[in-house]
Amino acid sequence: MKMAVCIAIIGKDNSPKYFTCSNPYEELFFQYKVLSSLDIIEEKLNIASKGGTDVRELYLGMLYSLETHKIYGYVTNTKIKIVIVVESSNTILRDNEIRTMFKKIHSIYADHVCNPFHIPGDQIISKSFDEQIKMIMLGTA
């Protein structure tokens, strides 16, 4: 069973930097769901900053649940948003596994942007980056 069906990395200006799905035919559906989850992420960040809670907590938890999918969010210290979509039928995944997936993706992303040939703000089109993310999606990383 797949760990995730979609992973997206969104820039601080809400522009997509990286997007991948396990099924290319559903990519438009997932793009819509991921981009609509950005409002929930912004709302959670605003509530956290106004409420005086610890804004260092990067993991936002489940943003919302659909009949077929659950959408989780994570925000880096530099306001880069990472969104993971998993199937609702996947009862094996617990909160700790989702957190671990986010930490791995964050680490891979940090390694990629530290590359001196990476242009800040550009979309990520690296083949090795894509392979590492797909391994996380399959649960083999």
N, C-alpha and C. Protein backbone atom coordinates (compact mmCIF):
# COMPACT_ATOMS: atom_id res chain seq x y z
N MET A 1 0.84 -1.18 0.00
CA MET A 1 0.00 0.00 0.00
C MET A 1 0.88 1.24 0.00
N LYS A 2 0.47 2.23 -0.77
CA LYS A 2 1.23 3.48 -0.85
C LYS A 2 1.07 4.28 0.43
N MET A 3 2.14 4.97 0.79
CA MET A 3 2.10 5.85 1.96
C MET A 3 1.32 7.12 1.62
N ALA A 4 1.57 7.69 0.43
CA ALA A 4 0.91 8.93 0.02
C ALA A 4 0.55 8.83 -1.45
N VAL A 5 -0.50 9.55 -1.85
CA VAL A 5 -0.88 9.57 -3.26
C VAL A 5 -0.49 10.87 -3.93
N CYS A 6 -0.15 11.88 -3.13
CA CYS A 6 0.24 13.18 -3.68
C CYS A 6 1.11 13.92 -2.67
N ILE A 7 2.16 14.58 -3.18
CA ILE A 7 3.01 15.42 -2.35
C ILE A 7 3.25 16.72 -3.10
N ALA A 8 3.09 17.84 -2.39
CA ALA A 8 3.30 19.15 -3.01
C ALA A 8 4.15 20.02 -2.10
N ILE A 9 4.99 20.83 -2.72
CA ILE A 9 5.76 21.83 -2.00
C ILE A 9 5.36 23.18 -2.58
N ILE A 10 4.91 24.06 -1.70
CA ILE A 10 4.38 25.36 -2.10
C ILE A 10 5.28 26.45 -1.51
N GLY A 11 5.62 27.45 -2.32
CA GLY A 11 6.48 28.54 -1.86
C GLY A 11 5.77 29.47 -0.91
N LYS A 12 6.55 30.37 -0.31
CA LYS A 12 5.97 31.31 0.67
C LYS A 12 4.99 32.27 0.03
N ASP A 13 5.07 32.44 -1.29
CA ASP A 13 4.12 33.29 -2.02
C ASP A 13 2.96 32.47 -2.58
N ASN A 14 2.81 31.23 -2.09
CA ASN A 14 1.75 30.30 -2.49
C ASN A 14 1.85 29.83 -3.94
N SER A 15 3.03 29.90 -4.52
CA SER A 15 3.24 29.37 -5.87
C SER A 15 3.80 27.95 -5.76
N PRO A 16 3.29 27.03 -6.58
CA PRO A 16 3.77 25.64 -6.51
C PRO A 16 5.23 25.54 -6.93
N LYS A 17 6.03 24.87 -6.10
CA LYS A 17 7.45 24.66 -6.40
C LYS A 17 7.69 23.22 -6.86
N TYR A 18 6.87 22.30 -6.36
CA TYR A 18 7.01 20.89 -6.73
C TYR A 18 5.66 20.23 -6.51
N PHE A 19 5.31 19.33 -7.42
CA PHE A 19 4.03 18.64 -7.32
C PHE A 19 4.17 17.27 -7.97
N THR A 20 3.75 16.22 -7.27
CA THR A 20 3.77 14.88 -7.85
C THR A 20 2.59 14.07 -7.33
N CYS A 21 2.07 13.21 -8.18
CA CYS A 21 0.96 12.32 -7.83
C CYS A 21 1.30 10.90 -8.26
N SER A 22 0.72 9.94 -7.58
CA SER A 22 0.94 8.56 -7.97
C SER A 22 0.18 8.22 -9.26
N ASN A 23 -0.93 8.90 -9.51
CA ASN A 23 -1.72 8.68 -10.72
C ASN A 23 -1.77 9.99 -11.52
N PRO A 24 -1.06 10.06 -12.65
CA PRO A 24 -1.02 11.32 -13.42
C PRO A 24 -2.40 11.77 -13.93
N TYR A 25 -3.35 10.83 -14.06
CA TYR A 25 -4.67 11.19 -14.55
C TYR A 25 -5.48 11.98 -13.51
N GLU A 26 -5.09 11.88 -12.25
CA GLU A 26 -5.79 12.60 -11.19
C GLU A 26 -5.05 13.87 -10.76
N GLU A 27 -4.04 14.27 -11.50
CA GLU A 27 -3.20 15.39 -11.09
C GLU A 27 -4.00 16.69 -10.93
N LEU A 28 -4.90 16.97 -11.83
CA LEU A 28 -5.69 18.20 -11.74
C LEU A 28 -6.58 18.19 -10.49
N PHE A 29 -7.17 17.04 -10.18
CA PHE A 29 -7.99 16.89 -8.98
C PHE A 29 -7.16 17.20 -7.73
N PHE A 30 -5.95 16.63 -7.66
CA PHE A 30 -5.10 16.84 -6.50
C PHE A 30 -4.55 18.26 -6.43
N GLN A 31 -4.26 18.86 -7.58
CA GLN A 31 -3.81 20.26 -7.56
C GLN A 31 -4.87 21.15 -6.94
N TYR A 32 -6.12 20.91 -7.31
CA TYR A 32 -7.22 21.70 -6.75
C TYR A 32 -7.31 21.50 -5.23
N LYS A 33 -7.21 20.26 -4.77
CA LYS A 33 -7.32 19.97 -3.34
C LYS A 33 -6.14 20.58 -2.57
N VAL A 34 -4.95 20.47 -3.13
CA VAL A 34 -3.76 21.02 -2.45
C VAL A 34 -3.85 22.54 -2.38
N LEU A 35 -4.19 23.18 -3.48
CA LEU A 35 -4.26 24.64 -3.48
C LEU A 35 -5.39 25.15 -2.60
N SER A 36 -6.49 24.39 -2.50
CA SER A 36 -7.57 24.82 -1.60
C SER A 36 -7.19 24.62 -0.13
N SER A 37 -6.23 23.75 0.14
CA SER A 37 -5.79 23.55 1.53
C SER A 37 -4.90 24.70 2.01
N LEU A 38 -4.39 25.52 1.10
CA LEU A 38 -3.54 26.64 1.50
C LEU A 38 -4.28 27.65 2.37
N ASP A 39 -5.57 27.81 2.14
CA ASP A 39 -6.37 28.71 2.98
C ASP A 39 -6.41 28.20 4.42
N ILE A 40 -6.53 26.90 4.58
CA ILE A 40 -6.58 26.32 5.92
C ILE A 40 -5.22 26.48 6.60
N ILE A 41 -4.15 26.30 5.84
CA ILE A 41 -2.80 26.48 6.39
C ILE A 41 -2.62 27.91 6.88
N GLU A 42 -3.00 28.89 6.05
CA GLU A 42 -2.88 30.30 6.45
C GLU A 42 -3.71 30.59 7.70
N GLU A 43 -4.90 30.02 7.76
CA GLU A 43 -5.77 30.22 8.92
C GLU A 43 -5.13 29.65 10.18
N LYS A 44 -4.57 28.44 10.08
CA LYS A 44 -3.91 27.84 11.25
C LYS A 44 -2.70 28.65 11.68
N LEU A 45 -1.94 29.18 10.73
CA LEU A 45 -0.77 29.99 11.08
C LEU A 45 -1.18 31.29 11.75
N ASN A 46 -2.25 31.91 11.27
CA ASN A 46 -2.73 33.15 11.87
C ASN A 46 -3.26 32.92 13.28
N ILE A 47 -3.98 31.83 13.49
CA ILE A 47 -4.51 31.51 14.82
C ILE A 47 -3.35 31.24 15.78
N ALA A 48 -2.33 30.52 15.30
CA ALA A 48 -1.18 30.19 16.16
C ALA A 48 -0.41 31.45 16.56
N SER A 49 -0.25 32.38 15.63
CA SER A 49 0.52 33.59 15.95
C SER A 49 -0.27 34.54 16.85
N LYS A 50 -1.59 34.60 16.67
CA LYS A 50 -2.42 35.47 17.51
C LYS A 50 -2.65 34.87 18.89
N GLY A 51 -2.76 33.55 18.94
CA GLY A 51 -3.06 32.89 20.20
C GLY A 51 -1.87 32.72 21.11
N GLY A 52 -0.71 33.08 20.64
CA GLY A 52 0.48 32.97 21.46
C GLY A 52 0.98 31.54 21.62
N THR A 53 0.47 30.62 20.79
CA THR A 53 0.97 29.25 20.87
C THR A 53 2.32 29.17 20.19
N ASP A 54 2.97 28.05 20.36
CA ASP A 54 4.31 27.85 19.85
C ASP A 54 4.28 27.75 18.32
N VAL A 55 4.76 28.78 17.63
CA VAL A 55 4.76 28.78 16.17
C VAL A 55 5.96 28.01 15.62
N ARG A 56 6.78 27.49 16.51
CA ARG A 56 7.89 26.66 16.05
C ARG A 56 7.42 25.27 15.67
N GLU A 57 6.22 24.90 16.06
CA GLU A 57 5.68 23.59 15.67
C GLU A 57 5.39 23.63 14.18
N LEU A 58 6.15 22.86 13.42
CA LEU A 58 6.05 22.90 11.97
C LEU A 58 4.90 22.04 11.44
N TYR A 59 4.58 20.98 12.14
CA TYR A 59 3.55 20.05 11.70
C TYR A 59 2.18 20.61 12.05
N LEU A 60 1.33 20.77 11.05
CA LEU A 60 0.00 21.34 11.27
C LEU A 60 -1.08 20.28 11.47
N GLY A 61 -0.75 19.03 11.21
CA GLY A 61 -1.72 17.96 11.37
C GLY A 61 -2.63 17.84 10.15
N MET A 62 -3.75 17.15 10.36
CA MET A 62 -4.69 16.97 9.26
C MET A 62 -5.41 18.28 9.00
N LEU A 63 -5.35 18.74 7.76
CA LEU A 63 -6.01 19.99 7.40
C LEU A 63 -7.50 19.74 7.18
N TYR A 64 -7.80 18.74 6.41
CA TYR A 64 -9.19 18.32 6.26
C TYR A 64 -9.26 16.93 5.66
N SER A 65 -10.43 16.35 5.80
CA SER A 65 -10.66 14.98 5.35
C SER A 65 -11.78 14.96 4.32
N LEU A 66 -11.54 14.23 3.27
CA LEU A 66 -12.56 14.01 2.25
C LEU A 66 -13.04 12.57 2.38
N GLU A 67 -14.00 12.21 1.58
CA GLU A 67 -14.50 10.84 1.64
C GLU A 67 -13.42 9.84 1.24
N THR A 68 -12.56 10.23 0.29
CA THR A 68 -11.55 9.30 -0.22
C THR A 68 -10.13 9.63 0.20
N HIS A 69 -9.89 10.85 0.67
CA HIS A 69 -8.52 11.27 0.99
C HIS A 69 -8.46 12.12 2.26
N LYS A 70 -7.25 12.13 2.86
CA LYS A 70 -6.96 13.01 3.99
C LYS A 70 -5.78 13.88 3.59
N ILE A 71 -5.85 15.16 3.95
CA ILE A 71 -4.83 16.11 3.55
C ILE A 71 -4.15 16.66 4.79
N TYR A 72 -2.80 16.55 4.82
CA TYR A 72 -1.98 16.97 5.95
C TYR A 72 -1.07 18.11 5.54
N GLY A 73 -0.73 18.98 6.50
CA GLY A 73 0.10 20.13 6.21
C GLY A 73 1.29 20.28 7.13
N TYR A 74 2.30 20.98 6.63
CA TYR A 74 3.56 21.23 7.34
C TYR A 74 4.11 22.53 6.79
N VAL A 75 4.64 23.37 7.66
CA VAL A 75 5.21 24.65 7.22
C VAL A 75 6.62 24.76 7.79
N THR A 76 7.57 25.10 6.93
CA THR A 76 8.96 25.25 7.39
C THR A 76 9.12 26.61 8.06
N ASN A 77 10.26 26.83 8.67
CA ASN A 77 10.55 28.12 9.31
C ASN A 77 10.59 29.26 8.30
N THR A 78 10.87 28.93 7.05
CA THR A 78 10.93 29.95 5.99
C THR A 78 9.60 30.07 5.24
N LYS A 79 8.53 29.53 5.82
CA LYS A 79 7.16 29.61 5.30
C LYS A 79 6.94 28.84 4.00
N ILE A 80 7.77 27.82 3.76
CA ILE A 80 7.52 26.90 2.65
C ILE A 80 6.52 25.87 3.15
N LYS A 81 5.47 25.62 2.37
CA LYS A 81 4.41 24.71 2.80
C LYS A 81 4.57 23.37 2.09
N ILE A 82 4.42 22.31 2.86
CA ILE A 82 4.46 20.96 2.31
C ILE A 82 3.11 20.32 2.61
N VAL A 83 2.50 19.74 1.57
CA VAL A 83 1.18 19.12 1.71
C VAL A 83 1.28 17.67 1.24
N ILE A 84 0.74 16.78 2.06
CA ILE A 84 0.69 15.36 1.71
C ILE A 84 -0.77 14.93 1.69
N VAL A 85 -1.13 14.20 0.62
CA VAL A 85 -2.47 13.64 0.50
C VAL A 85 -2.35 12.12 0.60
N VAL A 86 -3.11 11.52 1.52
CA VAL A 86 -3.14 10.07 1.68
C VAL A 86 -4.56 9.57 1.47
N GLU A 87 -4.68 8.31 1.15
CA GLU A 87 -6.01 7.73 0.99
C GLU A 87 -6.66 7.52 2.35
N SER A 88 -7.94 7.80 2.44
CA SER A 88 -8.67 7.61 3.71
C SER A 88 -8.71 6.15 4.12
N SER A 89 -8.65 5.25 3.15
CA SER A 89 -8.70 3.81 3.45
C SER A 89 -7.40 3.30 4.06
N ASN A 90 -6.34 4.11 4.03
CA ASN A 90 -5.05 3.71 4.58
C ASN A 90 -5.07 3.92 6.10
N THR A 91 -5.46 2.86 6.81
CA THR A 91 -5.56 2.95 8.27
C THR A 91 -4.24 2.61 8.95
N ILE A 92 -3.25 2.20 8.18
CA ILE A 92 -1.93 1.85 8.73
C ILE A 92 -1.19 3.11 9.19
N LEU A 93 -1.37 4.20 8.46
CA LEU A 93 -0.65 5.44 8.76
C LEU A 93 -1.15 6.08 10.05
N ARG A 94 -0.23 6.35 10.92
CA ARG A 94 -0.51 7.06 12.16
C ARG A 94 0.12 8.44 12.09
N ASP A 95 -0.15 9.25 13.07
CA ASP A 95 0.38 10.61 13.11
C ASP A 95 1.90 10.63 13.08
N ASN A 96 2.54 9.67 13.76
CA ASN A 96 4.00 9.63 13.78
C ASN A 96 4.59 9.34 12.41
N GLU A 97 3.94 8.46 11.63
CA GLU A 97 4.43 8.16 10.29
C GLU A 97 4.29 9.39 9.38
N ILE A 98 3.20 10.12 9.53
CA ILE A 98 3.00 11.33 8.73
C ILE A 98 4.08 12.36 9.09
N ARG A 99 4.33 12.55 10.38
CA ARG A 99 5.38 13.49 10.82
C ARG A 99 6.74 13.09 10.25
N THR A 100 7.04 11.79 10.27
CA THR A 100 8.31 11.31 9.74
C THR A 100 8.42 11.59 8.25
N MET A 101 7.32 11.39 7.51
CA MET A 101 7.33 11.69 6.08
C MET A 101 7.63 13.17 5.84
N PHE A 102 6.98 14.03 6.62
CA PHE A 102 7.23 15.47 6.47
C PHE A 102 8.68 15.82 6.77
N LYS A 103 9.25 15.24 7.82
CA LYS A 103 10.64 15.54 8.18
C LYS A 103 11.59 15.08 7.08
N LYS A 104 11.32 13.92 6.48
CA LYS A 104 12.15 13.44 5.38
C LYS A 104 12.05 14.36 4.17
N ILE A 105 10.83 14.78 3.84
CA ILE A 105 10.64 15.68 2.69
C ILE A 105 11.33 17.01 2.96
N HIS A 106 11.19 17.52 4.18
CA HIS A 106 11.84 18.79 4.56
C HIS A 106 13.36 18.67 4.41
N SER A 107 13.91 17.56 4.84
CA SER A 107 15.35 17.34 4.75
C SER A 107 15.80 17.28 3.28
N ILE A 108 15.06 16.56 2.46
CA ILE A 108 15.39 16.46 1.02
C ILE A 108 15.28 17.84 0.38
N TYR A 109 14.25 18.59 0.74
CA TYR A 109 14.08 19.94 0.20
C TYR A 109 15.24 20.84 0.61
N ALA A 110 15.62 20.78 1.88
CA ALA A 110 16.73 21.62 2.37
C ALA A 110 18.02 21.27 1.64
N ASP A 111 18.27 19.99 1.44
CA ASP A 111 19.46 19.58 0.69
C ASP A 111 19.43 20.12 -0.73
N HIS A 112 18.25 20.09 -1.35
CA HIS A 112 18.14 20.56 -2.73
C HIS A 112 18.38 22.07 -2.85
N VAL A 113 17.78 22.85 -1.97
CA VAL A 113 17.94 24.30 -2.09
C VAL A 113 19.33 24.77 -1.67
N CYS A 114 20.08 23.93 -0.97
CA CYS A 114 21.46 24.27 -0.62
C CYS A 114 22.42 24.03 -1.78
N ASN A 115 21.93 23.40 -2.83
CA ASN A 115 22.74 23.19 -4.02
C ASN A 115 23.08 24.55 -4.63
N PRO A 116 24.35 24.84 -4.88
CA PRO A 116 24.71 26.16 -5.42
C PRO A 116 24.13 26.44 -6.80
N PHE A 117 23.68 25.41 -7.51
CA PHE A 117 23.11 25.61 -8.84
C PHE A 117 21.60 25.82 -8.81
N HIS A 118 21.00 25.69 -7.63
CA HIS A 118 19.56 25.93 -7.49
C HIS A 118 19.31 27.43 -7.45
N ILE A 119 18.35 27.88 -8.24
CA ILE A 119 17.98 29.29 -8.27
C ILE A 119 16.78 29.47 -7.34
N PRO A 120 16.94 30.25 -6.25
CA PRO A 120 15.84 30.44 -5.31
C PRO A 120 14.57 30.94 -6.00
N GLY A 121 13.45 30.32 -5.66
CA GLY A 121 12.16 30.73 -6.22
C GLY A 121 11.75 29.92 -7.44
N ASP A 122 12.69 29.20 -8.06
CA ASP A 122 12.36 28.38 -9.23
C ASP A 122 11.66 27.09 -8.82
N GLN A 123 10.94 26.51 -9.78
CA GLN A 123 10.33 25.22 -9.53
C GLN A 123 11.42 24.16 -9.46
N ILE A 124 11.13 23.10 -8.74
CA ILE A 124 12.09 22.01 -8.58
C ILE A 124 11.84 20.99 -9.69
N ILE A 125 12.84 20.82 -10.54
CA ILE A 125 12.71 19.87 -11.65
C ILE A 125 13.84 18.84 -11.65
N SER A 126 14.43 18.62 -10.50
CA SER A 126 15.54 17.68 -10.36
C SER A 126 15.05 16.24 -10.40
N LYS A 127 15.72 15.43 -11.20
CA LYS A 127 15.35 14.02 -11.31
C LYS A 127 15.63 13.27 -10.01
N SER A 128 16.77 13.55 -9.37
CA SER A 128 17.09 12.86 -8.11
C SER A 128 16.13 13.27 -7.00
N PHE A 129 15.73 14.55 -6.96
CA PHE A 129 14.76 15.02 -5.98
C PHE A 129 13.44 14.28 -6.18
N ASP A 130 13.01 14.18 -7.43
CA ASP A 130 11.76 13.50 -7.76
C ASP A 130 11.81 12.03 -7.34
N GLU A 131 12.93 11.37 -7.58
CA GLU A 131 13.06 9.96 -7.21
C GLU A 131 13.00 9.78 -5.70
N GLN A 132 13.64 10.67 -4.95
CA GLN A 132 13.60 10.57 -3.48
C GLN A 132 12.20 10.78 -2.94
N ILE A 133 11.46 11.74 -3.51
CA ILE A 133 10.08 11.99 -3.07
C ILE A 133 9.19 10.78 -3.40
N LYS A 134 9.37 10.20 -4.57
CA LYS A 134 8.55 9.04 -4.96
C LYS A 134 8.85 7.85 -4.08
N MET A 135 10.09 7.73 -3.60
CA MET A 135 10.41 6.65 -2.66
C MET A 135 9.66 6.85 -1.34
N ILE A 136 9.55 8.09 -0.90
CA ILE A 136 8.78 8.39 0.31
C ILE A 136 7.30 8.06 0.08
N MET A 137 6.79 8.40 -1.09
CA MET A 137 5.39 8.12 -1.39
C MET A 137 5.11 6.62 -1.34
N LEU A 138 6.07 5.82 -1.78
CA LEU A 138 5.89 4.37 -1.79
C LEU A 138 6.21 3.73 -0.45
N GLY A 139 6.84 4.49 0.45
CA GLY A 139 7.18 3.97 1.75
C GLY A 139 8.47 3.18 1.75
N THR A 140 9.31 3.39 0.75
CA THR A 140 10.57 2.66 0.68
C THR A 140 11.77 3.50 1.14
N ALA A 141 11.52 4.74 1.52
CA ALA A 141 12.63 5.60 1.95
C ALA A 141 12.70 5.68 3.46
